[in-house]
PDB file of N, CA and C in Angstrom:
ATOM      1  N   MET A   1      10.572  -1.516 -20.377  1.00  0.00           N
ATOM      2  CA  MET A   1      11.109  -2.287 -19.269  1.00  0.00           C
ATOM      3  C   MET A   1      11.266  -1.412 -18.017  1.00  0.00           C
ATOM      4  N   ILE A   2      11.764  -0.202 -18.212  1.00  0.00           N
ATOM      5  CA  ILE A   2      11.961   0.696 -17.071  1.00  0.00           C
ATOM      6  C   ILE A   2      10.631   1.060 -16.423  1.00  0.00           C
ATOM      7  N   GLU A   3       9.562   1.132 -17.233  1.00  0.00           N
ATOM      8  CA  GLU A   3       8.242   1.451 -16.687  1.00  0.00           C
ATOM      9  C   GLU A   3       7.764   0.373 -15.724  1.00  0.00           C
ATOM     10  N   ILE A   4       8.041  -0.874 -16.029  1.00  0.00           N
ATOM     11  CA  ILE A   4       7.624  -1.981 -15.163  1.00  0.00           C
ATOM     12  C   ILE A   4       8.379  -1.934 -13.841  1.00  0.00           C
ATOM     13  N   VAL A   5       9.666  -1.658 -13.906  1.00  0.00           N
ATOM     14  CA  VAL A   5      10.474  -1.555 -12.689  1.00  0.00           C
ATOM     15  C   VAL A   5       9.979  -0.395 -11.826  1.00  0.00           C
ATOM     16  N   ILE A   6       9.724   0.745 -12.441  1.00  0.00           N
ATOM     17  CA  ILE A   6       9.214   1.900 -11.699  1.00  0.00           C
ATOM     18  C   ILE A   6       7.855   1.586 -11.094  1.00  0.00           C
ATOM     19  N   PHE A   7       7.012   0.869 -11.827  1.00  0.00           N
ATOM     20  CA  PHE A   7       5.694   0.482 -11.336  1.00  0.00           C
ATOM     21  C   PHE A   7       5.804  -0.395 -10.085  1.00  0.00           C
ATOM     22  N   PHE A   8       6.682  -1.406 -10.116  1.00  0.00           N
ATOM     23  CA  PHE A   8       6.826  -2.286  -8.951  1.00  0.00           C
ATOM     24  C   PHE A   8       7.485  -1.572  -7.778  1.00  0.00           C
ATOM     25  N   ILE A   9       8.392  -0.674  -8.045  1.00  0.00           N
ATOM     26  CA  ILE A   9       8.977   0.125  -6.967  1.00  0.00           C
ATOM     27  C   ILE A   9       7.901   1.002  -6.331  1.00  0.00           C
ATOM     28  N   PHE A  10       7.044   1.597  -7.151  1.00  0.00           N
ATOM     29  CA  PHE A  10       5.954   2.419  -6.646  1.00  0.00           C
ATOM     30  C   PHE A  10       5.017   1.607  -5.754  1.00  0.00           C
ATOM     31  N   ILE A  11       4.610   0.424  -6.216  1.00  0.00           N
ATOM     32  CA  ILE A  11       3.721  -0.436  -5.414  1.00  0.00           C
ATOM     33  C   ILE A  11       4.387  -0.828  -4.099  1.00  0.00           C
ATOM     34  N   THR A  12       5.665  -1.152  -4.149  1.00  0.00           N
ATOM     35  CA  THR A  12       6.393  -1.528  -2.937  1.00  0.00           C
ATOM     36  C   THR A  12       6.458  -0.366  -1.954  1.00  0.00           C
ATOM     37  N   ILE A  13       6.750   0.822  -2.433  1.00  0.00           N
ATOM     38  CA  ILE A  13       6.834   2.000  -1.552  1.00  0.00           C
ATOM     39  C   ILE A  13       5.470   2.301  -0.933  1.00  0.00           C
ATOM     40  N   ILE A  14       4.412   2.257  -1.730  1.00  0.00           N
ATOM     41  CA  ILE A  14       3.068   2.526  -1.206  1.00  0.00           C
ATOM     42  C   ILE A  14       2.697   1.480  -0.159  1.00  0.00           C
ATOM     43  N   THR A  15       3.027   0.221  -0.406  1.00  0.00           N
ATOM     44  CA  THR A  15       2.706  -0.840   0.556  1.00  0.00           C
ATOM     45  C   THR A  15       3.470  -0.657   1.863  1.00  0.00           C
ATOM     46  N   ILE A  16       4.746  -0.347   1.789  1.00  0.00           N
ATOM     47  CA  ILE A  16       5.543  -0.131   3.004  1.00  0.00           C
ATOM     48  C   ILE A  16       5.026   1.077   3.787  1.00  0.00           C
ATOM     49  N   LEU A  17       4.728   2.159   3.081  1.00  0.00           N
ATOM     50  CA  LEU A  17       4.181   3.342   3.766  1.00  0.00           C
ATOM     51  C   LEU A  17       2.823   3.039   4.393  1.00  0.00           C
ATOM     52  N   PHE A  18       2.001   2.242   3.709  1.00  0.00           N
ATOM     53  CA  PHE A  18       0.704   1.870   4.264  1.00  0.00           C
ATOM     54  C   PHE A  18       0.876   1.025   5.529  1.00  0.00           C
ATOM     55  N   ILE A  19       1.801   0.099   5.510  1.00  0.00           N
ATOM     56  CA  ILE A  19       2.046  -0.746   6.693  1.00  0.00           C
ATOM     57  C   ILE A  19       2.524   0.108   7.866  1.00  0.00           C
ATOM     58  N   ILE A  20       3.431   1.030   7.616  1.00  0.00           N
ATOM     59  CA  ILE A  20       3.929   1.911   8.684  1.00  0.00           C
ATOM     60  C   ILE A  20       2.794   2.769   9.237  1.00  0.00           C
ATOM     61  N   TYR A  21       1.996   3.357   8.353  1.00  0.00           N
ATOM     62  CA  TYR A  21       0.890   4.195   8.805  1.00  0.00           C
ATOM     63  C   TYR A  21      -0.154   3.377   9.578  1.00  0.00           C
ATOM     64  N   SER A  22      -0.480   2.192   9.089  1.00  0.00           N
ATOM     65  CA  SER A  22      -1.472   1.354   9.771  1.00  0.00           C
ATOM     66  C   SER A  22      -0.970   0.902  11.129  1.00  0.00           C
ATOM     67  N   GLU A  23       0.300   0.580  11.210  1.00  0.00           N
ATOM     68  CA  GLU A  23       0.873   0.176  12.499  1.00  0.00           C
ATOM     69  C   GLU A  23       0.833   1.343  13.483  1.00  0.00           C
ATOM     70  N   TYR A  24       1.045   2.546  12.975  1.00  0.00           N
ATOM     71  CA  TYR A  24       1.005   3.729  13.827  1.00  0.00           C
ATOM     72  C   TYR A  24      -0.427   4.069  14.244  1.00  0.00           C
ATOM     73  N   SER A  25      -1.363   4.053  13.300  1.00  0.00           N
ATOM     74  CA  SER A  25      -2.717   4.515  13.610  1.00  0.00           C
ATOM     75  C   SER A  25      -3.570   3.449  14.288  1.00  0.00           C
ATOM     76  N   VAL A  26      -3.471   2.210  13.857  1.00  0.00           N
ATOM     77  CA  VAL A  26      -4.292   1.143  14.448  1.00  0.00           C
ATOM     78  C   VAL A  26      -3.522   0.432  15.549  1.00  0.00           C
ATOM     79  N   GLY A  27      -2.312   0.031  15.243  1.00  0.00           N
ATOM     80  CA  GLY A  27      -1.448  -0.634  16.217  1.00  0.00           C
ATOM     81  C   GLY A  27      -1.631  -2.133  16.258  1.00  0.00           C
ATOM     82  N   GLN A  28      -0.543  -2.812  16.569  1.00  0.00           N
ATOM     83  CA  GLN A  28      -0.484  -4.270  16.741  1.00  0.00           C
ATOM     84  C   GLN A  28      -1.027  -5.030  15.533  1.00  0.00           C
ATOM     85  N   ILE A  29      -0.624  -4.606  14.356  1.00  0.00           N
ATOM     86  CA  ILE A  29      -0.975  -5.346  13.147  1.00  0.00           C
ATOM     87  C   ILE A  29       0.193  -6.225  12.741  1.00  0.00           C
ATOM     88  N   LEU A  30       1.370  -5.652  12.636  1.00  0.00           N
ATOM     89  CA  LEU A  30       2.561  -6.422  12.290  1.00  0.00           C
ATOM     90  C   LEU A  30       3.337  -6.814  13.543  1.00  0.00           C
ATOM     91  N   PHE A  31       3.517  -5.884  14.440  1.00  0.00           N
ATOM     92  CA  PHE A  31       4.268  -6.152  15.672  1.00  0.00           C
ATOM     93  C   PHE A  31       3.287  -6.415  16.804  1.00  0.00           C
ATOM     94  N   ARG A  32       3.238  -7.678  17.238  1.00  0.00           N
ATOM     95  CA  ARG A  32       2.306  -8.096  18.286  1.00  0.00           C
ATOM     96  C   ARG A  32       3.053  -8.860  19.362  1.00  0.00           C
ATOM     97  N   PRO A  33       2.536  -8.801  20.585  1.00  0.00           N
ATOM     98  CA  PRO A  33       3.142  -9.633  21.637  1.00  0.00           C
ATOM     99  C   PRO A  33       2.809 -11.111  21.399  1.00  0.00           C
ATOM    100  N   ASP A  34       3.808 -11.967  21.574  1.00  0.00           N
ATOM    101  CA  ASP A  34       3.562 -13.403  21.430  1.00  0.00           C
ATOM    102  C   ASP A  34       3.113 -13.992  22.756  1.00  0.00           C
ATOM    103  N   SER A  35       3.136 -15.322  22.876  1.00  0.00           N
ATOM    104  CA  SER A  35       2.591 -15.986  24.068  1.00  0.00           C
ATOM    105  C   SER A  35       3.396 -15.710  25.331  1.00  0.00           C
ATOM    106  N   VAL A  36       4.651 -15.326  25.187  1.00  0.00           N
ATOM    107  CA  VAL A  36       5.453 -14.992  26.361  1.00  0.00           C
ATOM    108  C   VAL A  36       5.545 -13.492  26.596  1.00  0.00           C
ATOM    109  N   GLY A  37       4.843 -12.709  25.794  1.00  0.00           N
ATOM    110  CA  GLY A  37       4.813 -11.269  25.976  1.00  0.00           C
ATOM    111  C   GLY A  37       5.880 -10.515  25.211  1.00  0.00           C
ATOM    112  N   LYS A  38       6.699 -11.211  24.445  1.00  0.00           N
ATOM    113  CA  LYS A  38       7.745 -10.573  23.652  1.00  0.00           C
ATOM    114  C   LYS A  38       7.142 -10.077  22.343  1.00  0.00           C
ATOM    115  N   ILE A  39       7.488  -8.847  21.950  1.00  0.00           N
ATOM    116  CA  ILE A  39       6.990  -8.282  20.697  1.00  0.00           C
ATOM    117  C   ILE A  39       7.677  -8.998  19.531  1.00  0.00           C
ATOM    118  N   SER A  40       6.872  -9.529  18.621  1.00  0.00           N
ATOM    119  CA  SER A  40       7.413 -10.220  17.453  1.00  0.00           C
ATOM    120  C   SER A  40       6.625  -9.827  16.214  1.00  0.00           C
ATOM    121  N   MET A  41       7.191 -10.142  15.063  1.00  0.00           N
ATOM    122  CA  MET A  41       6.530  -9.823  13.798  1.00  0.00           C
ATOM    123  C   MET A  41       5.529 -10.926  13.472  1.00  0.00           C
ATOM    124  N   ASN A  42       4.311 -10.518  13.155  1.00  0.00           N
ATOM    125  CA  ASN A  42       3.241 -11.464  12.847  1.00  0.00           C
ATOM    126  C   ASN A  42       2.741 -11.172  11.427  1.00  0.00           C
ATOM    127  N   PHE A  43       3.307 -11.880  10.451  1.00  0.00           N
ATOM    128  CA  PHE A  43       2.973 -11.623   9.054  1.00  0.00           C
ATOM    129  C   PHE A  43       1.575 -12.104   8.687  1.00  0.00           C
ATOM    130  N   SER A  44       1.084 -13.144   9.355  1.00  0.00           N
ATOM    131  CA  SER A  44      -0.277 -13.609   9.046  1.00  0.00           C
ATOM    132  C   SER A  44      -1.309 -12.563   9.456  1.00  0.00           C
ATOM    133  N   SER A  45      -1.074 -11.874  10.554  1.00  0.00           N
ATOM    134  CA  SER A  45      -1.966 -10.800  10.966  1.00  0.00           C
ATOM    135  C   SER A  45      -1.915  -9.642   9.970  1.00  0.00           C
ATOM    136  N   LEU A  46      -0.724  -9.320   9.492  1.00  0.00           N
ATOM    137  CA  LEU A  46      -0.567  -8.252   8.514  1.00  0.00           C
ATOM    138  C   LEU A  46      -1.280  -8.600   7.209  1.00  0.00           C
ATOM    139  N   LEU A  47      -1.082  -9.809   6.708  1.00  0.00           N
ATOM    140  CA  LEU A  47      -1.748 -10.214   5.471  1.00  0.00           C
ATOM    141  C   LEU A  47      -3.261 -10.239   5.638  1.00  0.00           C
ATOM    142  N   GLY A  48      -3.734 -10.681   6.783  1.00  0.00           N
ATOM    143  CA  GLY A  48      -5.167 -10.666   7.055  1.00  0.00           C
ATOM    144  C   GLY A  48      -5.723  -9.248   7.043  1.00  0.00           C
ATOM    145  N   PHE A  49      -4.964  -8.317   7.626  1.00  0.00           N
ATOM    146  CA  PHE A  49      -5.404  -6.917   7.640  1.00  0.00           C
ATOM    147  C   PHE A  49      -5.409  -6.323   6.232  1.00  0.00           C
ATOM    148  N   LEU A  50      -4.392  -6.668   5.420  1.00  0.00           N
ATOM    149  CA  LEU A  50      -4.330  -6.143   4.060  1.00  0.00           C
ATOM    150  C   LEU A  50      -5.459  -6.696   3.188  1.00  0.00           C
ATOM    151  N   MET A  51      -5.851  -7.929   3.419  1.00  0.00           N
ATOM    152  CA  MET A  51      -6.888  -8.559   2.599  1.00  0.00           C
ATOM    153  C   MET A  51      -8.302  -8.367   3.162  1.00  0.00           C
ATOM    154  N   ASN A  52      -8.417  -7.838   4.354  1.00  0.00           N
ATOM    155  CA  ASN A  52      -9.717  -7.679   5.011  1.00  0.00           C
ATOM    156  C   ASN A  52     -10.735  -6.870   4.200  1.00  0.00           C
ATOM    157  N   PRO A  53     -10.355  -5.787   3.504  1.00  0.00           N
ATOM    158  CA  PRO A  53     -11.359  -5.024   2.737  1.00  0.00           C
ATOM    159  C   PRO A  53     -12.018  -5.821   1.611  1.00  0.00           C
ATOM    160  N   PHE A  54     -11.407  -6.923   1.195  1.00  0.00           N
ATOM    161  CA  PHE A  54     -11.975  -7.699   0.102  1.00  0.00           C
ATOM    162  C   PHE A  54     -13.127  -8.605   0.542  1.00  0.00           C
ATOM    163  N   HIS A  55     -13.298  -8.797   1.858  1.00  0.00           N
ATOM    164  CA  HIS A  55     -14.405  -9.656   2.301  1.00  0.00           C
ATOM    165  C   HIS A  55     -15.218  -9.095   3.454  1.00  0.00           C
ATOM    166  N   THR A  56     -14.943  -7.877   3.904  1.00  0.00           N
ATOM    167  CA  THR A  56     -15.789  -7.233   4.906  1.00  0.00           C
ATOM    168  C   THR A  56     -16.131  -5.815   4.445  1.00  0.00           C
ATOM    169  N   ARG A  57     -17.257  -5.323   4.893  1.00  0.00           N
ATOM    170  CA  ARG A  57     -17.727  -4.011   4.447  1.00  0.00           C
ATOM    171  C   ARG A  57     -17.360  -2.871   5.389  1.00  0.00           C
ATOM    172  N   HIS A  58     -17.012  -3.155   6.632  1.00  0.00           N
ATOM    173  CA  HIS A  58     -16.830  -2.055   7.577  1.00  0.00           C
ATOM    174  C   HIS A  58     -15.610  -1.187   7.267  1.00  0.00           C
ATOM    175  N   LEU A  59     -14.667  -1.651   6.464  1.00  0.00           N
ATOM    176  CA  LEU A  59     -13.528  -0.815   6.102  1.00  0.00           C
ATOM    177  C   LEU A  59     -13.805   0.093   4.911  1.00  0.00           C
ATOM    178  N   TRP A  60     -15.029   0.070   4.383  1.00  0.00           N
ATOM    179  CA  TRP A  60     -15.377   0.916   3.247  1.00  0.00           C
ATOM    180  C   TRP A  60     -16.173   2.150   3.663  1.00  0.00           C
ATOM    181  N   SER A  61     -16.188   2.480   4.943  1.00  0.00           N
ATOM    182  CA  SER A  61     -16.832   3.720   5.379  1.00  0.00           C
ATOM    183  C   SER A  61     -15.827   4.868   5.259  1.00  0.00           C
ATOM    184  N   LEU A  62     -16.326   6.082   5.264  1.00  0.00           N
ATOM    185  CA  LEU A  62     -15.437   7.243   5.129  1.00  0.00           C
ATOM    186  C   LEU A  62     -14.429   7.344   6.264  1.00  0.00           C
ATOM    187  N   GLN A  63     -14.814   6.877   7.446  1.00  0.00           N
ATOM    188  CA  GLN A  63     -13.927   6.978   8.607  1.00  0.00           C
ATOM    189  C   GLN A  63     -12.760   5.993   8.535  1.00  0.00           C
ATOM    190  N   THR A  64     -12.882   4.935   7.738  1.00  0.00           N
ATOM    191  CA  THR A  64     -11.837   3.903   7.728  1.00  0.00           C
ATOM    192  C   THR A  64     -11.156   3.749   6.373  1.00  0.00           C
ATOM    193  N   LEU A  65     -11.378   4.653   5.448  1.00  0.00           N
ATOM    194  CA  LEU A  65     -10.732   4.526   4.137  1.00  0.00           C
ATOM    195  C   LEU A  65      -9.210   4.687   4.226  1.00  0.00           C
ATOM    196  N   ASP A  66      -8.724   5.378   5.236  1.00  0.00           N
ATOM    197  CA  ASP A  66      -7.276   5.541   5.363  1.00  0.00           C
ATOM    198  C   ASP A  66      -6.565   4.248   5.746  1.00  0.00           C
ATOM    199  N   ILE A  67      -7.263   3.285   6.332  1.00  0.00           N
ATOM    200  CA  ILE A  67      -6.657   1.997   6.673  1.00  0.00           C
ATOM    201  C   ILE A  67      -7.201   0.873   5.794  1.00  0.00           C
ATOM    202  N   ASN A  68      -7.750   1.233   4.644  1.00  0.00           N
ATOM    203  CA  ASN A  68      -8.267   0.276   3.675  1.00  0.00           C
ATOM    204  C   ASN A  68      -7.221   0.116   2.580  1.00  0.00           C
ATOM    205  N   TYR A  69      -6.514  -1.026   2.583  1.00  0.00           N
ATOM    206  CA  TYR A  69      -5.419  -1.247   1.641  1.00  0.00           C
ATOM    207  C   TYR A  69      -5.894  -1.219   0.194  1.00  0.00           C
ATOM    208  N   ALA A  70      -7.044  -1.802  -0.076  1.00  0.00           N
ATOM    209  CA  ALA A  70      -7.557  -1.817  -1.451  1.00  0.00           C
ATOM    210  C   ALA A  70      -7.824  -0.394  -1.935  1.00  0.00           C
ATOM    211  N   PHE A  71      -8.444   0.428  -1.101  1.00  0.00           N
ATOM    212  CA  PHE A  71      -8.720   1.816  -1.485  1.00  0.00           C
ATOM    213  C   PHE A  71      -7.432   2.594  -1.690  1.00  0.00           C
ATOM    214  N   VAL A  72      -6.464   2.422  -0.802  1.00  0.00           N
ATOM    215  CA  VAL A  72      -5.195   3.142  -0.914  1.00  0.00           C
ATOM    216  C   VAL A  72      -4.467   2.729  -2.195  1.00  0.00           C
ATOM    217  N   MET A  73      -4.463   1.436  -2.507  1.00  0.00           N
ATOM    218  CA  MET A  73      -3.781   0.991  -3.724  1.00  0.00           C
ATOM    219  C   MET A  73      -4.495   1.477  -4.980  1.00  0.00           C
ATOM    220  N   ILE A  74      -5.821   1.413  -5.000  1.00  0.00           N
ATOM    221  CA  ILE A  74      -6.569   1.869  -6.178  1.00  0.00           C
ATOM    222  C   ILE A  74      -6.357   3.361  -6.396  1.00  0.00           C
ATOM    223  N   SER A  75      -6.454   4.154  -5.340  1.00  0.00           N
ATOM    224  CA  SER A  75      -6.267   5.598  -5.501  1.00  0.00           C
ATOM    225  C   SER A  75      -4.815   5.927  -5.852  1.00  0.00           C
ATOM    226  N   SER A  76      -3.857   5.205  -5.289  1.00  0.00           N
ATOM    227  CA  SER A  76      -2.452   5.449  -5.618  1.00  0.00           C
ATOM    228  C   SER A  76      -2.151   5.074  -7.060  1.00  0.00           C
ATOM    229  N   LEU A  77      -2.697   3.952  -7.512  1.00  0.00           N
ATOM    230  CA  LEU A  77      -2.477   3.542  -8.899  1.00  0.00           C
ATOM    231  C   LEU A  77      -3.167   4.483  -9.881  1.00  0.00           C
ATOM    232  N   LEU A  78      -4.290   5.033  -9.476  1.00  0.00           N
ATOM    233  CA  LEU A  78      -4.958   6.023 -10.318  1.00  0.00           C
ATOM    234  C   LEU A  78      -4.087   7.268 -10.467  1.00  0.00           C
ATOM    235  N   LEU A  79      -3.545   7.749  -9.361  1.00  0.00           N
ATOM    236  CA  LEU A  79      -2.650   8.906  -9.414  1.00  0.00           C
ATOM    237  C   LEU A  79      -1.375   8.592 -10.190  1.00  0.00           C
ATOM    238  N   PHE A  80      -0.859   7.388 -10.018  1.00  0.00           N
ATOM    239  CA  PHE A  80       0.332   6.964 -10.763  1.00  0.00           C
ATOM    240  C   PHE A  80       0.063   6.984 -12.265  1.00  0.00           C
ATOM    241  N   THR A  81      -1.088   6.461 -12.666  1.00  0.00           N
ATOM    242  CA  THR A  81      -1.447   6.419 -14.080  1.00  0.00           C
ATOM    243  C   THR A  81      -1.658   7.822 -14.632  1.00  0.00           C
ATOM    244  N   LEU A  82      -2.323   8.685 -13.871  1.00  0.00           N
ATOM    245  CA  LEU A  82      -2.506  10.063 -14.315  1.00  0.00           C
ATOM    246  C   LEU A  82      -1.168  10.779 -14.480  1.00  0.00           C
ATOM    247  N   PHE A  83      -0.261  10.534 -13.550  1.00  0.00           N
ATOM    248  CA  PHE A  83       1.063  11.141 -13.641  1.00  0.00           C
ATOM    249  C   PHE A  83       1.852  10.567 -14.815  1.00  0.00           C
ATOM    250  N   GLN A  84       1.718   9.270 -15.034  1.00  0.00           N
ATOM    251  CA  GLN A  84       2.467   8.606 -16.102  1.00  0.00           C
ATOM    252  C   GLN A  84       2.115   9.179 -17.473  1.00  0.00           C
ATOM    253  N   TYR A  85       0.849   9.475 -17.693  1.00  0.00           N
ATOM    254  CA  TYR A  85       0.420   9.985 -18.994  1.00  0.00           C
ATOM    255  C   TYR A  85       0.271  11.509 -19.019  1.00  0.00           C
ATOM    256  N   SER A  86       0.773  12.166 -18.017  1.00  0.00           N
ATOM    257  CA  SER A  86       0.721  13.622 -17.966  1.00  0.00           C
ATOM    258  C   SER A  86       1.720  14.219 -18.946  1.00  0.00           C
ATOM    259  N   PRO A  87       1.375  15.325 -19.592  1.00  0.00           N
ATOM    260  CA  PRO A  87       2.340  15.953 -20.498  1.00  0.00           C
ATOM    261  C   PRO A  87       3.526  16.579 -19.759  1.00  0.00           C
ATOM    262  N   PHE A  88       3.393  16.768 -18.451  1.00  0.00           N
ATOM    263  CA  PHE A  88       4.478  17.354 -17.662  1.00  0.00           C
ATOM    264  C   PHE A  88       5.406  16.297 -17.074  1.00  0.00           C
ATOM    265  N   ASN A  89       5.163  15.056 -17.391  1.00  0.00           N
ATOM    266  CA  ASN A  89       5.939  13.957 -16.842  1.00  0.00           C
ATOM    267  C   ASN A  89       7.298  13.877 -17.531  1.00  0.00           C
ATOM    268  N   THR A  90       8.350  13.852 -16.740  1.00  0.00           N
ATOM    269  CA  THR A  90       9.697  13.638 -17.281  1.00  0.00           C
ATOM    270  C   THR A  90      10.279  12.315 -16.827  1.00  0.00           C
ATOM    271  N   LEU A  91       9.661  11.671 -15.852  1.00  0.00           N
ATOM    272  CA  LEU A  91      10.197  10.418 -15.312  1.00  0.00           C
ATOM    273  C   LEU A  91      10.116   9.282 -16.319  1.00  0.00           C
ATOM    274  N   PHE A  92       9.002   9.175 -17.035  1.00  0.00           N
ATOM    275  CA  PHE A  92       8.830   8.077 -17.961  1.00  0.00           C
ATOM    276  C   PHE A  92       9.347   8.390 -19.351  1.00  0.00           C
ATOM    277  N   ASN A  93       9.818   9.581 -19.577  1.00  0.00           N
ATOM    278  CA  ASN A  93      10.365   9.948 -20.867  1.00  0.00           C
ATOM    279  C   ASN A  93      11.882   9.912 -20.861  1.00  0.00           C
ATOM    280  N   VAL A  94      12.463   9.209 -19.894  1.00  0.00           N
ATOM    281  CA  VAL A  94      13.917   9.128 -19.770  1.00  0.00           C
ATOM    282  C   VAL A  94      14.491   8.283 -20.896  1.00  0.00           C
ATOM    283  N   VAL A  95      13.891   7.137 -21.186  1.00  0.00           N
ATOM    284  CA  VAL A  95      14.396   6.231 -22.200  1.00  0.00           C
ATOM    285  C   VAL A  95      13.673   6.509 -23.509  1.00  0.00           C
ATOM    286  N   PRO A  96      14.403   6.834 -24.569  1.00  0.00           N
ATOM    287  CA  PRO A  96      13.739   7.102 -25.849  1.00  0.00           C
ATOM    288  C   PRO A  96      13.181   5.827 -26.461  1.00  0.00           C
ATOM    289  N   ASP A  97      12.074   5.939 -27.165  1.00  0.00           N
ATOM    290  CA  ASP A  97      11.489   4.797 -27.854  1.00  0.00           C
ATOM    291  C   ASP A  97      12.337   4.441 -29.064  1.00  0.00           C
ATOM    292  N   ILE A  98      12.632   3.162 -29.194  1.00  0.00           N
ATOM    293  CA  ILE A  98      13.463   2.702 -30.320  1.00  0.00           C
ATOM    294  C   ILE A  98      12.611   1.861 -31.255  1.00  0.00           C
TER     295      ILE A  98
END
């Protein structure tokens, strides 16, 4: 049970860090000016940006892999899995198997 909670916390942290980095490097993905010029949160734009690698190819070049959500999640989950089954891991060995 604790592994599932840690897994979802990990995904949430990676997603939040990705959104912050993308907003910094690309700009105007989540925070965009509305019709009156006031900066507001635009979640549809954010979701479109996160899902864009699944239907366009231009985000799969070496220059744009840092803003490719699918690539970041796959590589992060790969590292998470490698760490989870590492013999040096103490995080997942907190709860003894019963």
